[in-house]
Amino acid sequence: MSALVRRSVIFTAPRGLFALVARVASVRRQRKALRTMDDATLSDIGLSRREAELESLRPLWDIPTSRPY
C-alpha cells in the first residue's frame, strides 16, 4: 500500500465515522419527535399514529440507506 493510500485511509475513516454517528443521532431525534406529535400534525405529514409508532420503535442501527432530501 502506498503512502498516499495509507494517508487517505487515515484521514477519510474518521470523517466517515463522524458522518455515520451524526446520521444516527439525526434519525434518533426524528424518531423521538414522531412520538411527541399529535394526530393532526402526523396527518399533515402523511402518517398515521400507527406508522409513527412503528417508525419510532425501529432499532437505533436500522437507519435508512438513502436520504429523502
N, C-alpha and C. Protein backbone atom coordinates (compact mmCIF):
# COMPACT_ATOMS: atom_id res chain seq x y z
N MET A 1 0.85 -1.17 0.00
CA MET A 1 0.00 0.00 0.00
C MET A 1 0.90 1.23 0.00
N SER A 2 0.62 2.15 -0.88
CA SER A 2 1.46 3.34 -0.97
C SER A 2 1.16 4.29 0.18
N ALA A 3 2.10 5.20 0.41
CA ALA A 3 1.94 6.17 1.50
C ALA A 3 0.72 7.06 1.25
N LEU A 4 0.45 7.39 0.01
CA LEU A 4 -0.70 8.24 -0.31
C LEU A 4 -2.01 7.52 0.02
N VAL A 5 -2.10 6.25 -0.30
CA VAL A 5 -3.31 5.48 0.00
C VAL A 5 -3.49 5.36 1.51
N ARG A 6 -2.40 5.06 2.23
CA ARG A 6 -2.49 4.95 3.70
C ARG A 6 -2.94 6.27 4.32
N ARG A 7 -2.40 7.37 3.86
CA ARG A 7 -2.78 8.67 4.40
C ARG A 7 -4.24 8.96 4.09
N SER A 8 -4.68 8.61 2.90
CA SER A 8 -6.07 8.82 2.51
C SER A 8 -7.01 8.03 3.42
N VAL A 9 -6.66 6.78 3.71
CA VAL A 9 -7.49 5.94 4.57
C VAL A 9 -7.52 6.52 5.98
N ILE A 10 -6.39 6.97 6.48
CA ILE A 10 -6.32 7.51 7.84
C ILE A 10 -7.18 8.75 7.97
N PHE A 11 -7.17 9.63 6.99
CA PHE A 11 -7.93 10.87 7.09
C PHE A 11 -9.40 10.70 6.71
N THR A 12 -9.72 9.71 5.90
CA THR A 12 -11.10 9.52 5.46
C THR A 12 -11.93 8.76 6.48
N ALA A 13 -11.35 7.79 7.14
CA ALA A 13 -12.10 6.95 8.09
C ALA A 13 -12.75 7.76 9.21
N PRO A 14 -12.05 8.67 9.87
CA PRO A 14 -12.72 9.43 10.94
C PRO A 14 -13.89 10.27 10.44
N ARG A 15 -13.75 10.86 9.26
CA ARG A 15 -14.87 11.65 8.72
C ARG A 15 -16.06 10.77 8.43
N GLY A 16 -15.81 9.58 7.89
CA GLY A 16 -16.89 8.64 7.62
C GLY A 16 -17.58 8.20 8.90
N LEU A 17 -16.79 7.94 9.93
CA LEU A 17 -17.34 7.54 11.22
C LEU A 17 -18.15 8.68 11.83
N PHE A 18 -17.60 9.90 11.76
CA PHE A 18 -18.32 11.05 12.28
C PHE A 18 -19.64 11.25 11.54
N ALA A 19 -19.64 11.09 10.23
CA ALA A 19 -20.86 11.24 9.45
C ALA A 19 -21.89 10.19 9.84
N LEU A 20 -21.45 8.98 10.07
CA LEU A 20 -22.37 7.92 10.49
C LEU A 20 -22.97 8.22 11.86
N VAL A 21 -22.15 8.64 12.80
CA VAL A 21 -22.65 8.98 14.14
C VAL A 21 -23.63 10.14 14.06
N ALA A 22 -23.32 11.13 13.25
CA ALA A 22 -24.22 12.27 13.09
C ALA A 22 -25.55 11.84 12.47
N ARG A 23 -25.49 10.95 11.49
CA ARG A 23 -26.71 10.45 10.84
C ARG A 23 -27.57 9.65 11.82
N VAL A 24 -26.95 8.79 12.61
CA VAL A 24 -27.69 8.01 13.60
C VAL A 24 -28.34 8.93 14.63
N ALA A 25 -27.62 9.95 15.07
CA ALA A 25 -28.18 10.91 16.03
C ALA A 25 -29.36 11.67 15.43
N SER A 26 -29.25 12.04 14.17
CA SER A 26 -30.33 12.75 13.50
C SER A 26 -31.59 11.88 13.39
N VAL A 27 -31.40 10.62 12.99
CA VAL A 27 -32.54 9.70 12.87
C VAL A 27 -33.17 9.47 14.24
N ARG A 28 -32.35 9.38 15.28
CA ARG A 28 -32.87 9.19 16.64
C ARG A 28 -33.74 10.38 17.06
N ARG A 29 -33.26 11.60 16.77
CA ARG A 29 -34.05 12.81 17.11
C ARG A 29 -35.37 12.83 16.34
N GLN A 30 -35.32 12.47 15.06
CA GLN A 30 -36.53 12.47 14.25
C GLN A 30 -37.55 11.45 14.76
N ARG A 31 -37.07 10.28 15.12
CA ARG A 31 -37.98 9.24 15.64
C ARG A 31 -38.56 9.65 16.99
N LYS A 32 -37.76 10.30 17.80
CA LYS A 32 -38.24 10.78 19.09
C LYS A 32 -39.31 11.86 18.88
N ALA A 33 -39.11 12.71 17.89
CA ALA A 33 -40.09 13.76 17.59
C ALA A 33 -41.41 13.15 17.10
N LEU A 34 -41.34 12.09 16.34
CA LEU A 34 -42.56 11.43 15.87
C LEU A 34 -43.43 10.97 17.03
N ARG A 35 -42.81 10.50 18.10
CA ARG A 35 -43.57 10.02 19.27
C ARG A 35 -44.34 11.15 19.95
N THR A 36 -43.86 12.39 19.82
CA THR A 36 -44.48 13.50 20.54
C THR A 36 -45.51 14.26 19.70
N MET A 37 -45.60 13.96 18.41
CA MET A 37 -46.53 14.68 17.53
C MET A 37 -47.98 14.24 17.76
N ASP A 38 -48.87 15.20 17.65
CA ASP A 38 -50.29 14.86 17.77
C ASP A 38 -50.81 14.34 16.42
N ASP A 39 -52.04 13.82 16.44
CA ASP A 39 -52.60 13.20 15.23
C ASP A 39 -52.75 14.18 14.08
N ALA A 40 -53.07 15.43 14.37
CA ALA A 40 -53.23 16.44 13.31
C ALA A 40 -51.90 16.69 12.60
N THR A 41 -50.84 16.80 13.37
CA THR A 41 -49.51 17.03 12.79
C THR A 41 -49.07 15.82 11.96
N LEU A 42 -49.31 14.63 12.51
CA LEU A 42 -48.96 13.42 11.75
C LEU A 42 -49.74 13.35 10.45
N SER A 43 -51.00 13.73 10.50
CA SER A 43 -51.82 13.74 9.30
C SER A 43 -51.27 14.73 8.26
N ASP A 44 -50.78 15.87 8.75
CA ASP A 44 -50.20 16.87 7.85
C ASP A 44 -48.98 16.34 7.09
N ILE A 45 -48.22 15.46 7.73
CA ILE A 45 -47.04 14.92 7.06
C ILE A 45 -47.31 13.56 6.42
N GLY A 46 -48.57 13.15 6.45
CA GLY A 46 -48.97 11.94 5.73
C GLY A 46 -48.73 10.63 6.47
N LEU A 47 -48.71 10.68 7.80
CA LEU A 47 -48.50 9.47 8.59
C LEU A 47 -49.67 9.23 9.53
N SER A 48 -49.96 7.98 9.78
CA SER A 48 -50.95 7.65 10.79
C SER A 48 -50.23 7.49 12.13
N ARG A 49 -50.98 7.45 13.20
CA ARG A 49 -50.39 7.24 14.52
C ARG A 49 -49.62 5.91 14.55
N ARG A 50 -50.20 4.88 13.96
CA ARG A 50 -49.57 3.56 13.95
C ARG A 50 -48.24 3.57 13.18
N GLU A 51 -48.22 4.25 12.02
CA GLU A 51 -46.98 4.34 11.24
C GLU A 51 -45.90 5.08 12.03
N ALA A 52 -46.29 6.15 12.72
CA ALA A 52 -45.33 6.90 13.53
C ALA A 52 -44.80 6.05 14.67
N GLU A 53 -45.68 5.29 15.30
CA GLU A 53 -45.24 4.41 16.39
C GLU A 53 -44.28 3.34 15.88
N LEU A 54 -44.60 2.74 14.75
CA LEU A 54 -43.72 1.72 14.19
C LEU A 54 -42.35 2.29 13.85
N GLU A 55 -42.33 3.47 13.27
CA GLU A 55 -41.06 4.11 12.92
C GLU A 55 -40.26 4.44 14.18
N SER A 56 -40.92 4.94 15.20
CA SER A 56 -40.20 5.33 16.41
C SER A 56 -39.67 4.13 17.19
N LEU A 57 -40.23 2.95 16.95
CA LEU A 57 -39.79 1.75 17.64
C LEU A 57 -38.68 0.99 16.91
N ARG A 58 -38.32 1.45 15.71
CA ARG A 58 -37.24 0.77 14.98
C ARG A 58 -35.94 0.88 15.77
N PRO A 59 -35.10 -0.14 15.71
CA PRO A 59 -33.83 -0.10 16.46
C PRO A 59 -32.91 1.00 15.94
N LEU A 60 -32.03 1.43 16.81
CA LEU A 60 -31.12 2.53 16.51
C LEU A 60 -30.27 2.26 15.27
N TRP A 61 -29.85 1.02 15.07
CA TRP A 61 -28.98 0.70 13.93
C TRP A 61 -29.76 0.55 12.62
N ASP A 62 -31.08 0.58 12.68
CA ASP A 62 -31.90 0.43 11.47
C ASP A 62 -32.20 1.82 10.91
N ILE A 63 -31.24 2.36 10.17
CA ILE A 63 -31.41 3.69 9.60
C ILE A 63 -31.57 3.58 8.09
N PRO A 64 -32.32 4.52 7.50
CA PRO A 64 -32.49 4.49 6.05
C PRO A 64 -31.15 4.60 5.32
N THR A 65 -31.04 3.92 4.20
CA THR A 65 -29.79 3.98 3.43
C THR A 65 -29.78 5.14 2.44
N SER A 66 -30.94 5.63 2.09
CA SER A 66 -30.98 6.78 1.19
C SER A 66 -31.58 7.97 1.93
N ARG A 67 -31.14 9.13 1.56
CA ARG A 67 -31.63 10.34 2.22
C ARG A 67 -32.81 10.90 1.44
N PRO A 68 -33.90 11.21 2.12
CA PRO A 68 -35.10 11.68 1.43
C PRO A 68 -35.00 13.12 0.96
N TYR A 69 -33.94 13.83 1.28
CA TYR A 69 -33.83 15.24 0.90
C TYR A 69 -32.88 15.44 -0.22
